[in-house]
């Protein structure tokens, strides 16, 4: 399969799963904000947040398996797995930062930590994309998977 065919297939798959990711993130944000605001009765919001995290991990796992199925190189499959693990890991980390800074009353620290996490995440993803390009030049990196590159 050529790089262009892979771009087309991955783009279509991500568009199909976009609604699920969006809905899960919206529900999870509601639950996290409710945990922060409510002291009592927040057990159900914790369960809601954990459930959303579980479903997000299922969606990301599906995307990961799909992307790995497009390459035959073992090293490229390992790198793709790492990308999706880091994608998932940043979500609970941001939730933890939000809840912790809110509980400690140090709200100015939240944006600083979030910006630091995002910059670190971006640098890790760039490094993994470079490794993926070296491992399998025919596999598209995430910057390649956008509407302007899709051709049918």
Protein backbone atom coordinates (compact mmCIF):
# COMPACT_ATOMS: atom_id res chain seq x y z
CA UNK A 1 0.00 0.00 0.00
CA UNK A 2 1.42 3.39 -0.96
CA UNK A 3 1.76 6.34 1.36
CA UNK A 4 -1.11 8.17 -0.35
CA UNK A 5 -3.45 5.19 0.03
CA UNK A 6 -2.53 4.95 3.70
CA UNK A 7 -3.24 8.66 4.19
CA UNK A 8 -6.68 8.24 2.60
CA UNK A 9 -7.59 5.20 4.68
CA UNK A 10 -6.35 6.62 7.99
CA UNK A 11 -8.11 9.95 7.37
CA UNK A 12 -11.43 8.24 6.67
CA UNK A 13 -11.09 6.10 9.79
CA UNK A 14 -10.31 9.07 12.03
CA UNK A 15 -13.30 10.93 10.64
CA UNK A 16 -15.57 7.99 11.52
CA UNK A 17 -14.28 7.94 15.10
CA UNK A 18 -14.26 11.71 15.60
CA UNK A 19 -17.81 11.75 16.97
CA UNK A 20 -16.98 9.12 19.60
CA UNK A 21 -13.85 10.93 20.75
CA UNK A 22 -15.67 14.27 20.88
CA UNK A 23 -18.63 12.94 22.84
CA UNK A 24 -16.40 11.14 25.33
CA UNK A 25 -14.26 14.21 25.92
CA UNK A 26 -17.32 16.44 26.46
CA UNK A 27 -18.84 14.00 28.99
CA UNK A 28 -15.49 13.57 30.72
CA UNK A 29 -14.96 17.34 30.96
CA UNK A 30 -18.40 17.71 32.56
CA UNK A 31 -17.54 15.01 35.09
CA UNK A 32 -14.12 16.47 35.90
CA UNK A 33 -15.53 19.98 36.36
CA UNK A 34 -18.26 18.52 38.58
CA UNK A 35 -15.68 16.70 40.71
CA UNK A 36 -13.88 20.00 41.19
CA UNK A 37 -17.04 21.93 42.12
CA UNK A 38 -18.86 19.41 44.28
CA UNK A 39 -17.44 17.99 47.48
CA UNK A 40 -20.24 15.55 48.26
CA UNK A 41 -21.82 13.25 45.73
CA UNK A 42 -18.82 13.38 43.43
CA UNK A 43 -18.46 9.58 43.48
CA UNK A 44 -20.68 9.26 40.42
CA UNK A 45 -18.64 11.88 38.60
CA UNK A 46 -15.47 9.96 39.43
CA UNK A 47 -17.09 6.83 38.01
CA UNK A 48 -18.14 8.84 34.94
CA UNK A 49 -14.61 10.14 34.44
CA UNK A 50 -13.12 6.66 34.84
CA UNK A 51 -15.67 5.24 32.39
CA UNK A 52 -14.86 7.92 29.83
CA UNK A 53 -11.15 7.19 30.24
CA UNK A 54 -11.86 3.50 29.68
CA UNK A 55 -13.87 4.17 26.51
CA UNK A 56 -11.26 6.63 25.23
CA UNK A 57 -8.62 3.93 25.72
CA UNK A 58 -10.78 1.54 23.69
CA UNK A 59 -11.12 4.06 20.84
CA UNK A 60 -7.40 4.84 20.87
CA UNK A 61 -6.62 1.11 20.99
CA UNK A 62 -8.79 0.57 17.92
CA UNK A 63 -7.05 3.41 16.09
CA UNK A 64 -3.66 2.05 17.10
CA UNK A 65 -4.42 -1.47 15.87
CA UNK A 66 -5.76 -0.04 12.60
CA UNK A 67 -2.66 2.11 12.00
CA UNK A 68 -0.37 -0.81 12.86
CA UNK A 69 -2.20 -3.05 10.41
CA UNK A 70 -1.06 -0.79 7.55
CA UNK A 71 2.63 -1.50 8.08
CA UNK A 72 4.59 -4.73 8.12
CA UNK A 73 7.66 -3.39 9.89
CA UNK A 74 7.91 -4.38 13.55
CA UNK A 75 9.79 -1.24 14.64
CA UNK A 76 7.14 0.99 13.05
CA UNK A 77 4.40 -0.90 14.92
CA UNK A 78 6.22 -0.32 18.22
CA UNK A 79 6.52 3.40 17.51
CA UNK A 80 2.82 3.65 16.61
CA UNK A 81 1.96 1.92 19.90
CA UNK A 82 4.11 4.43 21.81
CA UNK A 83 2.36 7.32 20.06
CA UNK A 84 -1.06 6.15 21.15
CA UNK A 85 0.12 5.34 24.69
CA UNK A 86 1.41 8.90 25.02
CA UNK A 87 -1.86 10.20 23.54
CA UNK A 88 -3.77 8.46 26.29
CA UNK A 89 -1.30 9.26 29.08
CA UNK A 90 -1.62 13.00 28.58
CA UNK A 91 -5.37 12.92 29.32
CA UNK A 92 -5.20 11.62 32.92
CA UNK A 93 -2.16 13.82 33.50
CA UNK A 94 -4.09 16.95 32.51
CA UNK A 95 -7.05 15.85 34.66
CA UNK A 96 -4.72 15.31 37.61
CA UNK A 97 -3.11 18.73 37.13
CA UNK A 98 -6.52 20.43 36.97
CA UNK A 99 -7.87 18.70 40.06
CA UNK A 100 -4.68 19.05 42.08
CA UNK A 101 -4.16 22.74 41.41
CA UNK A 102 -7.82 23.41 42.17
CA UNK A 103 -7.67 21.56 45.49
CA UNK A 104 -4.43 23.23 46.52
CA UNK A 105 -5.77 26.67 45.61
CA UNK A 106 -2.81 27.42 43.37
CA UNK A 107 -4.72 28.20 40.19
CA UNK A 108 -1.81 30.09 38.58
CA UNK A 109 0.21 26.88 38.58
CA UNK A 110 -2.36 25.01 36.44
CA UNK A 111 -1.78 26.89 33.17
CA UNK A 112 1.99 26.73 33.67
CA UNK A 113 1.90 22.95 34.15
CA UNK A 114 -0.54 22.44 31.27
CA UNK A 115 1.65 24.45 28.90
CA UNK A 116 4.68 22.45 30.06
CA UNK A 117 2.86 19.14 29.51
CA UNK A 118 1.69 20.19 26.06
CA UNK A 119 5.17 21.32 25.00
CA UNK A 120 6.69 18.09 26.33
CA UNK A 121 4.00 16.00 24.62
CA UNK A 122 4.58 17.84 21.34
CA UNK A 123 8.34 17.24 21.48
CA UNK A 124 7.85 13.53 22.26
CA UNK A 125 5.40 13.14 19.37
CA UNK A 126 7.80 14.90 16.97
CA UNK A 127 10.61 12.58 18.04
CA UNK A 128 8.38 9.53 17.54
CA UNK A 129 7.30 10.78 14.11
CA UNK A 130 10.93 11.13 13.06
CA UNK A 131 11.63 7.59 14.27
CA UNK A 132 8.54 6.33 12.41
CA UNK A 133 9.70 7.97 9.20
CA UNK A 134 13.07 6.23 9.53
CA UNK A 135 11.46 2.87 10.39
CA UNK A 136 8.87 2.94 7.58
CA UNK A 137 9.15 5.79 5.06
CA UNK A 138 5.87 4.74 3.42
CA UNK A 139 3.85 5.14 6.62
CA UNK A 140 2.33 8.63 6.96
CA UNK A 141 3.06 10.71 10.03
CA UNK A 142 0.28 12.60 11.76
CA UNK A 143 1.09 15.87 10.02
CA UNK A 144 0.42 14.13 6.69
CA UNK A 145 -3.08 13.03 7.67
CA UNK A 146 -5.19 16.08 6.87
CA UNK A 147 -7.92 16.90 4.38
CA UNK A 148 -5.62 18.77 1.99
CA UNK A 149 -3.52 15.59 1.53
CA UNK A 150 -6.49 13.23 0.92
CA UNK A 151 -6.94 12.28 -2.73
CA UNK A 152 -9.39 9.74 -4.04
